Structures are given as C-alpha cells and as structure tokens.
C-alpha cells in the first residue's frame, strides 16, 4: 500500500522526525495535535475549551489534506494537563464529534512541550 505523509508548518515535525498525519490505504493516523495557529503561536492560552477547539480544527485540516473528514474519525485520544478541565475539553469534542461518536479516551498528563499548552488530541480516521 502506498503511504502519504501530511506535513504542517510545525517546527517540531522536522526536529522530532514525524508527520502531522500518515495515510496508508483507507486509514489515516493524525499525530498528537495542539492549539497552535499557522505561525506556531499557542491559541487560547489558559482556556482549555478554546485549545481543544483549535486542536480539533488542526486535526480536521490534516484529515482534509489526507482526503478525509471529521465524520470518518473512529478514534480520538485527548491528553490534558488538568483532568478538572474535562468538561470544557469534552464539550469541544462533543461539538465536533457528537454525531460521529468515535471511541475516545481522555488522559491527564503532567505537561506538554510548551507550558501554555493544556490539550493535545490524536485521531484515527477510516476513509470509506
């Protein structure tokens, strides 16, 4: 099967050696994605809902580039630096995926690479 790597403008991709997303056949895996804008600046500092919303928008951009949509997401994983923010992050997830209902998990982690980042989201889509 042919492999397609989706890149973004993130400096981390070259530094760490990964792709924003990878498509092999009908499966698209989106790397952990945070709330950054096209210039790499953190969006929604201090606001877990705004960060989750931006992270999902960034996931969607990677999916579209790989030929998929949010409607084809079958699995998400959410990493949060404070589990007490689960309602705000969950609300953003529900707004994006409520009709899709992917399998999901939310994990509290100690920190992300930038102290202003509160949320990171991964996604898996199956293109039909």
N, C-alpha and C. Protein backbone atom coordinates (compact mmCIF):
# COMPACT_ATOMS: atom_id res chain seq x y z
N UNK A 1 0.84 -1.19 0.00
CA UNK A 1 0.00 0.00 0.00
C UNK A 1 0.88 1.25 0.00
N UNK A 2 0.37 2.23 -0.67
CA UNK A 2 1.10 3.49 -0.75
C UNK A 2 0.93 4.29 0.54
N UNK A 3 1.98 4.97 0.94
CA UNK A 3 1.98 5.79 2.15
C UNK A 3 2.01 7.27 1.74
N UNK A 4 1.17 8.06 2.40
CA UNK A 4 1.15 9.51 2.18
C UNK A 4 1.37 10.20 3.51
N UNK A 5 2.41 11.00 3.60
CA UNK A 5 2.67 11.79 4.80
C UNK A 5 2.10 13.18 4.62
N UNK A 6 1.41 13.67 5.62
CA UNK A 6 0.86 15.03 5.63
C UNK A 6 1.73 15.86 6.56
N UNK A 7 2.25 16.94 6.05
CA UNK A 7 3.12 17.81 6.84
C UNK A 7 2.38 19.11 7.17
N UNK A 8 2.83 19.77 8.22
CA UNK A 8 2.32 21.10 8.54
C UNK A 8 3.52 22.03 8.69
N UNK A 9 3.29 23.23 9.11
CA UNK A 9 4.37 24.20 9.27
C UNK A 9 5.08 24.07 10.61
N UNK A 10 4.69 23.10 11.42
CA UNK A 10 5.26 22.95 12.75
C UNK A 10 6.76 22.68 12.70
N UNK A 11 7.50 23.43 13.48
CA UNK A 11 8.95 23.22 13.58
C UNK A 11 9.26 21.87 14.23
N UNK A 12 8.32 21.37 15.02
CA UNK A 12 8.54 20.13 15.76
C UNK A 12 8.62 18.92 14.84
N UNK A 13 7.94 18.95 13.71
CA UNK A 13 7.95 17.79 12.81
C UNK A 13 9.37 17.47 12.33
N UNK A 14 10.09 18.48 11.87
CA UNK A 14 11.47 18.25 11.44
C UNK A 14 12.38 17.93 12.61
N UNK A 15 12.19 18.66 13.71
CA UNK A 15 13.06 18.47 14.87
C UNK A 15 12.93 17.07 15.47
N UNK A 16 11.70 16.57 15.56
CA UNK A 16 11.46 15.27 16.19
C UNK A 16 11.41 14.14 15.17
N UNK A 17 11.09 14.46 13.92
CA UNK A 17 11.05 13.45 12.87
C UNK A 17 9.72 12.73 12.77
N UNK A 18 8.64 13.48 12.61
CA UNK A 18 7.32 12.88 12.46
C UNK A 18 6.50 13.66 11.46
N UNK A 19 5.34 13.14 11.14
CA UNK A 19 4.40 13.81 10.23
C UNK A 19 3.14 14.18 10.99
N UNK A 20 2.46 15.23 10.56
CA UNK A 20 1.19 15.64 11.17
C UNK A 20 0.20 14.49 11.07
N UNK A 21 0.19 13.82 9.92
CA UNK A 21 -0.69 12.67 9.72
C UNK A 21 -0.04 11.74 8.71
N UNK A 22 -0.46 10.49 8.76
CA UNK A 22 0.01 9.50 7.80
C UNK A 22 -1.21 8.73 7.31
N UNK A 23 -1.30 8.60 5.97
CA UNK A 23 -2.36 7.81 5.37
C UNK A 23 -1.75 6.60 4.68
N UNK A 24 -2.25 5.43 5.05
CA UNK A 24 -1.88 4.18 4.39
C UNK A 24 -3.19 3.49 4.07
N UNK A 25 -3.47 3.32 2.77
CA UNK A 25 -4.74 2.73 2.37
C UNK A 25 -5.89 3.61 2.82
N UNK A 26 -6.85 3.01 3.51
CA UNK A 26 -8.02 3.76 3.95
C UNK A 26 -7.88 4.31 5.36
N UNK A 27 -6.73 4.11 6.00
CA UNK A 27 -6.51 4.52 7.39
C UNK A 27 -5.65 5.78 7.46
N UNK A 28 -6.11 6.77 8.24
CA UNK A 28 -5.36 7.99 8.46
C UNK A 28 -5.14 8.14 9.96
N UNK A 29 -3.88 8.24 10.36
CA UNK A 29 -3.49 8.45 11.75
C UNK A 29 -3.00 9.88 11.88
N UNK A 30 -3.64 10.66 12.77
CA UNK A 30 -3.23 12.04 13.00
C UNK A 30 -2.46 12.10 14.31
N UNK A 31 -1.25 12.63 14.24
CA UNK A 31 -0.39 12.77 15.42
C UNK A 31 -1.04 13.65 16.47
N UNK A 32 -0.51 13.57 17.68
CA UNK A 32 -0.96 14.47 18.73
C UNK A 32 -0.90 15.91 18.23
N UNK A 33 -2.02 16.60 18.36
CA UNK A 33 -2.19 17.93 17.76
C UNK A 33 -2.63 18.91 18.84
N UNK A 34 -1.98 20.06 18.85
CA UNK A 34 -2.25 21.06 19.87
C UNK A 34 -2.89 22.30 19.27
N UNK A 35 -3.11 23.28 20.12
CA UNK A 35 -3.81 24.51 19.74
C UNK A 35 -2.82 25.57 19.30
N UNK A 36 -2.28 25.38 18.09
CA UNK A 36 -1.39 26.39 17.55
C UNK A 36 -1.97 26.93 16.24
N UNK A 37 -1.61 28.16 15.96
CA UNK A 37 -2.06 28.75 14.69
C UNK A 37 -1.01 28.48 13.62
N UNK A 38 -1.23 29.04 12.43
CA UNK A 38 -0.33 28.77 11.30
C UNK A 38 1.08 29.29 11.52
N UNK A 39 1.25 30.20 12.49
CA UNK A 39 2.58 30.71 12.81
C UNK A 39 3.24 29.97 13.97
N UNK A 40 2.52 28.99 14.52
CA UNK A 40 3.06 28.22 15.63
C UNK A 40 2.77 28.80 17.00
N UNK A 41 2.02 29.89 17.06
CA UNK A 41 1.67 30.50 18.35
C UNK A 41 0.54 29.73 19.00
N UNK A 42 0.59 29.63 20.32
CA UNK A 42 -0.46 28.94 21.07
C UNK A 42 -1.73 29.79 21.05
N UNK A 43 -2.85 29.14 20.72
CA UNK A 43 -4.16 29.78 20.70
C UNK A 43 -4.87 29.43 22.01
N UNK A 44 -5.57 30.39 22.61
CA UNK A 44 -6.38 30.11 23.78
C UNK A 44 -5.59 29.86 25.05
N UNK A 45 -4.54 30.61 25.27
CA UNK A 45 -3.73 30.42 26.49
C UNK A 45 -4.63 30.52 27.71
N UNK A 46 -4.57 29.50 28.57
CA UNK A 46 -5.37 29.47 29.79
C UNK A 46 -6.79 29.00 29.61
N UNK A 47 -7.22 28.67 28.38
CA UNK A 47 -8.61 28.30 28.09
C UNK A 47 -8.66 26.90 27.46
N UNK A 48 -8.95 25.86 28.25
CA UNK A 48 -8.94 24.50 27.70
C UNK A 48 -9.98 24.27 26.61
N UNK A 49 -11.13 24.93 26.68
CA UNK A 49 -12.14 24.79 25.63
C UNK A 49 -11.62 25.35 24.31
N UNK A 50 -11.06 26.56 24.35
CA UNK A 50 -10.53 27.18 23.14
C UNK A 50 -9.39 26.35 22.57
N UNK A 51 -8.55 25.81 23.42
CA UNK A 51 -7.44 24.99 22.94
C UNK A 51 -7.94 23.69 22.32
N UNK A 52 -8.91 23.05 22.94
CA UNK A 52 -9.45 21.81 22.38
C UNK A 52 -10.10 22.10 21.03
N UNK A 53 -10.84 23.19 20.93
CA UNK A 53 -11.48 23.56 19.68
C UNK A 53 -10.45 23.79 18.58
N UNK A 54 -9.37 24.52 18.90
CA UNK A 54 -8.32 24.79 17.91
C UNK A 54 -7.59 23.50 17.55
N UNK A 55 -7.32 22.65 18.52
CA UNK A 55 -6.64 21.39 18.22
C UNK A 55 -7.48 20.54 17.27
N UNK A 56 -8.78 20.50 17.49
CA UNK A 56 -9.67 19.74 16.61
C UNK A 56 -9.70 20.36 15.21
N UNK A 57 -9.69 21.68 15.13
CA UNK A 57 -9.62 22.33 13.81
C UNK A 57 -8.33 21.95 13.10
N UNK A 58 -7.23 21.85 13.85
CA UNK A 58 -5.95 21.46 13.26
C UNK A 58 -5.97 19.99 12.83
N UNK A 59 -6.62 19.14 13.62
CA UNK A 59 -6.80 17.74 13.23
C UNK A 59 -7.59 17.68 11.93
N UNK A 60 -8.67 18.46 11.87
CA UNK A 60 -9.50 18.47 10.67
C UNK A 60 -8.71 18.90 9.44
N UNK A 61 -7.85 19.89 9.57
CA UNK A 61 -7.04 20.34 8.44
C UNK A 61 -6.15 19.21 7.92
N UNK A 62 -5.55 18.46 8.85
CA UNK A 62 -4.70 17.34 8.44
C UNK A 62 -5.52 16.26 7.76
N UNK A 63 -6.70 15.99 8.30
CA UNK A 63 -7.57 14.98 7.69
C UNK A 63 -7.98 15.38 6.28
N UNK A 64 -8.36 16.63 6.10
CA UNK A 64 -8.78 17.11 4.78
C UNK A 64 -7.62 16.97 3.79
N UNK A 65 -6.43 17.31 4.22
CA UNK A 65 -5.28 17.18 3.32
C UNK A 65 -5.03 15.72 2.94
N UNK A 66 -5.40 14.80 3.85
CA UNK A 66 -5.25 13.36 3.57
C UNK A 66 -6.47 12.78 2.87
N UNK A 67 -7.47 13.62 2.60
CA UNK A 67 -8.65 13.16 1.87
C UNK A 67 -9.77 12.64 2.73
N UNK A 68 -9.82 13.05 3.99
CA UNK A 68 -10.86 12.57 4.92
C UNK A 68 -11.54 13.75 5.60
N UNK A 69 -12.51 13.44 6.44
CA UNK A 69 -13.23 14.45 7.20
C UNK A 69 -13.37 14.01 8.65
N UNK A 70 -13.84 14.91 9.48
CA UNK A 70 -14.11 14.56 10.89
C UNK A 70 -15.15 13.44 10.98
N UNK A 71 -16.06 13.36 10.02
CA UNK A 71 -17.10 12.33 10.04
C UNK A 71 -16.54 10.93 9.91
N UNK A 72 -15.30 10.81 9.46
CA UNK A 72 -14.69 9.49 9.28
C UNK A 72 -13.78 9.09 10.45
N UNK A 73 -13.74 9.92 11.49
CA UNK A 73 -12.92 9.62 12.66
C UNK A 73 -13.56 8.50 13.46
N UNK A 74 -12.76 7.49 13.77
CA UNK A 74 -13.24 6.34 14.54
C UNK A 74 -12.64 6.28 15.94
N UNK A 75 -11.58 7.07 16.19
CA UNK A 75 -10.91 7.03 17.48
C UNK A 75 -10.24 8.37 17.76
N UNK A 76 -10.40 8.87 18.98
CA UNK A 76 -9.65 10.04 19.42
C UNK A 76 -9.04 9.73 20.79
N UNK A 77 -7.97 10.42 21.05
CA UNK A 77 -7.35 10.39 22.38
C UNK A 77 -7.07 11.84 22.76
N UNK A 78 -7.48 12.20 23.97
CA UNK A 78 -7.28 13.56 24.45
C UNK A 78 -6.36 13.52 25.66
N UNK A 79 -5.33 14.34 25.61
CA UNK A 79 -4.37 14.45 26.70
C UNK A 79 -4.52 15.84 27.29
N UNK A 80 -4.77 15.92 28.59
CA UNK A 80 -4.98 17.20 29.26
C UNK A 80 -4.04 17.32 30.44
N UNK A 81 -3.60 18.53 30.71
CA UNK A 81 -2.69 18.74 31.83
C UNK A 81 -3.44 18.91 33.15
N UNK A 82 -4.76 19.01 33.09
CA UNK A 82 -5.58 19.11 34.30
C UNK A 82 -6.92 18.43 34.02
N UNK A 83 -7.13 17.27 34.60
CA UNK A 83 -8.36 16.50 34.35
C UNK A 83 -9.60 17.24 34.82
N UNK A 84 -9.43 18.21 35.71
CA UNK A 84 -10.59 19.01 36.13
C UNK A 84 -11.16 19.84 34.97
N UNK A 85 -10.43 19.93 33.89
CA UNK A 85 -10.91 20.64 32.69
C UNK A 85 -11.64 19.72 31.73
N UNK A 86 -11.96 18.50 32.18
CA UNK A 86 -12.56 17.52 31.27
C UNK A 86 -13.88 18.01 30.67
N UNK A 87 -14.67 18.77 31.42
CA UNK A 87 -15.95 19.23 30.87
C UNK A 87 -15.75 20.17 29.69
N UNK A 88 -14.82 21.11 29.83
CA UNK A 88 -14.57 22.07 28.74
C UNK A 88 -14.01 21.36 27.51
N UNK A 89 -13.06 20.47 27.72
CA UNK A 89 -12.46 19.73 26.61
C UNK A 89 -13.50 18.79 26.01
N UNK A 90 -14.26 18.12 26.87
CA UNK A 90 -15.32 17.23 26.40
C UNK A 90 -16.38 17.96 25.59
N UNK A 91 -16.70 19.19 25.97
CA UNK A 91 -17.69 19.97 25.23
C UNK A 91 -17.20 20.26 23.81
N UNK A 92 -15.93 20.65 23.70
CA UNK A 92 -15.37 20.90 22.37
C UNK A 92 -15.38 19.62 21.53
N UNK A 93 -15.05 18.50 22.15
CA UNK A 93 -15.05 17.21 21.46
C UNK A 93 -16.46 16.85 21.01
N UNK A 94 -17.43 17.02 21.89
CA UNK A 94 -18.82 16.71 21.55
C UNK A 94 -19.33 17.58 20.41
N UNK A 95 -18.96 18.85 20.41
CA UNK A 95 -19.39 19.75 19.33
C UNK A 95 -18.85 19.30 17.98
N UNK A 96 -17.64 18.76 17.96
CA UNK A 96 -17.03 18.32 16.70
C UNK A 96 -17.44 16.91 16.32
N UNK A 97 -17.63 16.04 17.30
CA UNK A 97 -17.80 14.61 17.03
C UNK A 97 -19.10 14.02 17.56
N UNK A 98 -20.00 14.84 18.08
CA UNK A 98 -21.21 14.33 18.71
C UNK A 98 -22.03 13.40 17.84
N UNK A 99 -22.16 13.71 16.55
CA UNK A 99 -22.92 12.86 15.65
C UNK A 99 -22.12 11.65 15.16
N UNK A 100 -20.80 11.73 15.28
CA UNK A 100 -19.92 10.66 14.81
C UNK A 100 -19.73 9.60 15.89
N UNK A 101 -19.52 10.07 17.11
CA UNK A 101 -19.36 9.17 18.25
C UNK A 101 -18.16 8.24 18.16
N UNK A 102 -16.94 8.78 17.93
CA UNK A 102 -15.78 7.89 17.86
C UNK A 102 -15.46 7.31 19.25
N UNK A 103 -14.76 6.19 19.25
CA UNK A 103 -14.20 5.70 20.51
C UNK A 103 -13.21 6.75 20.98
N UNK A 104 -13.14 6.97 22.29
CA UNK A 104 -12.24 8.02 22.78
C UNK A 104 -11.73 7.71 24.17
N UNK A 105 -10.69 8.40 24.54
CA UNK A 105 -10.12 8.34 25.88
C UNK A 105 -9.61 9.73 26.21
N UNK A 106 -9.62 10.06 27.52
CA UNK A 106 -9.02 11.31 27.98
C UNK A 106 -8.08 10.94 29.12
N UNK A 107 -6.85 11.45 29.01
CA UNK A 107 -5.82 11.15 29.98
C UNK A 107 -5.27 12.44 30.57
N UNK A 108 -5.04 12.44 31.87
CA UNK A 108 -4.33 13.55 32.47
C UNK A 108 -2.84 13.23 32.41
N UNK A 109 -2.09 14.20 31.92
CA UNK A 109 -0.64 14.07 31.84
C UNK A 109 0.00 15.21 32.61
N UNK A 110 1.24 15.06 32.94
CA UNK A 110 1.90 16.09 33.75
C UNK A 110 2.07 17.40 33.01
N UNK A 111 2.52 17.33 31.75
CA UNK A 111 2.72 18.56 30.99
C UNK A 111 2.90 18.25 29.51
N UNK A 112 2.82 19.30 28.71
CA UNK A 112 3.10 19.22 27.28
C UNK A 112 4.36 20.02 26.99
N UNK A 113 4.82 19.99 25.76
CA UNK A 113 6.11 20.57 25.40
C UNK A 113 6.19 22.09 25.66
N UNK A 114 5.08 22.78 25.58
CA UNK A 114 5.02 24.22 25.88
C UNK A 114 4.12 24.39 27.10
N UNK A 115 4.57 25.10 28.13
CA UNK A 115 3.74 25.23 29.35
C UNK A 115 2.39 25.91 29.12
N UNK A 116 2.22 26.63 28.00
CA UNK A 116 0.93 27.25 27.70
C UNK A 116 -0.07 26.26 27.10
N UNK A 117 0.41 25.10 26.68
CA UNK A 117 -0.47 24.10 26.08
C UNK A 117 -1.14 23.27 27.17
N UNK A 118 -2.46 23.14 27.06
CA UNK A 118 -3.26 22.40 28.04
C UNK A 118 -3.85 21.12 27.48
N UNK A 119 -3.93 21.02 26.15
CA UNK A 119 -4.64 19.92 25.50
C UNK A 119 -3.86 19.46 24.27
N UNK A 120 -3.83 18.15 24.06
CA UNK A 120 -3.31 17.56 22.82
C UNK A 120 -4.28 16.48 22.40
N UNK A 121 -4.59 16.40 21.11
CA UNK A 121 -5.59 15.45 20.63
C UNK A 121 -5.03 14.65 19.46
N UNK A 122 -5.21 13.33 19.50
CA UNK A 122 -4.87 12.44 18.41
C UNK A 122 -6.17 11.94 17.78
N UNK A 123 -6.10 11.54 16.52
CA UNK A 123 -7.28 11.00 15.86
C UNK A 123 -6.89 9.92 14.85
N UNK A 124 -7.81 8.98 14.68
CA UNK A 124 -7.68 7.94 13.66
C UNK A 124 -8.96 7.99 12.83
N UNK A 125 -8.79 8.02 11.53
CA UNK A 125 -9.95 8.02 10.62
C UNK A 125 -9.82 6.87 9.64
N UNK A 126 -10.96 6.34 9.24
CA UNK A 126 -11.00 5.32 8.21
C UNK A 126 -11.77 5.93 7.04
N UNK A 127 -11.10 6.07 5.92
CA UNK A 127 -11.71 6.67 4.73
C UNK A 127 -12.51 5.60 3.99
N UNK A 128 -13.77 5.85 3.82
CA UNK A 128 -14.63 4.87 3.15
C UNK A 128 -14.69 5.10 1.66
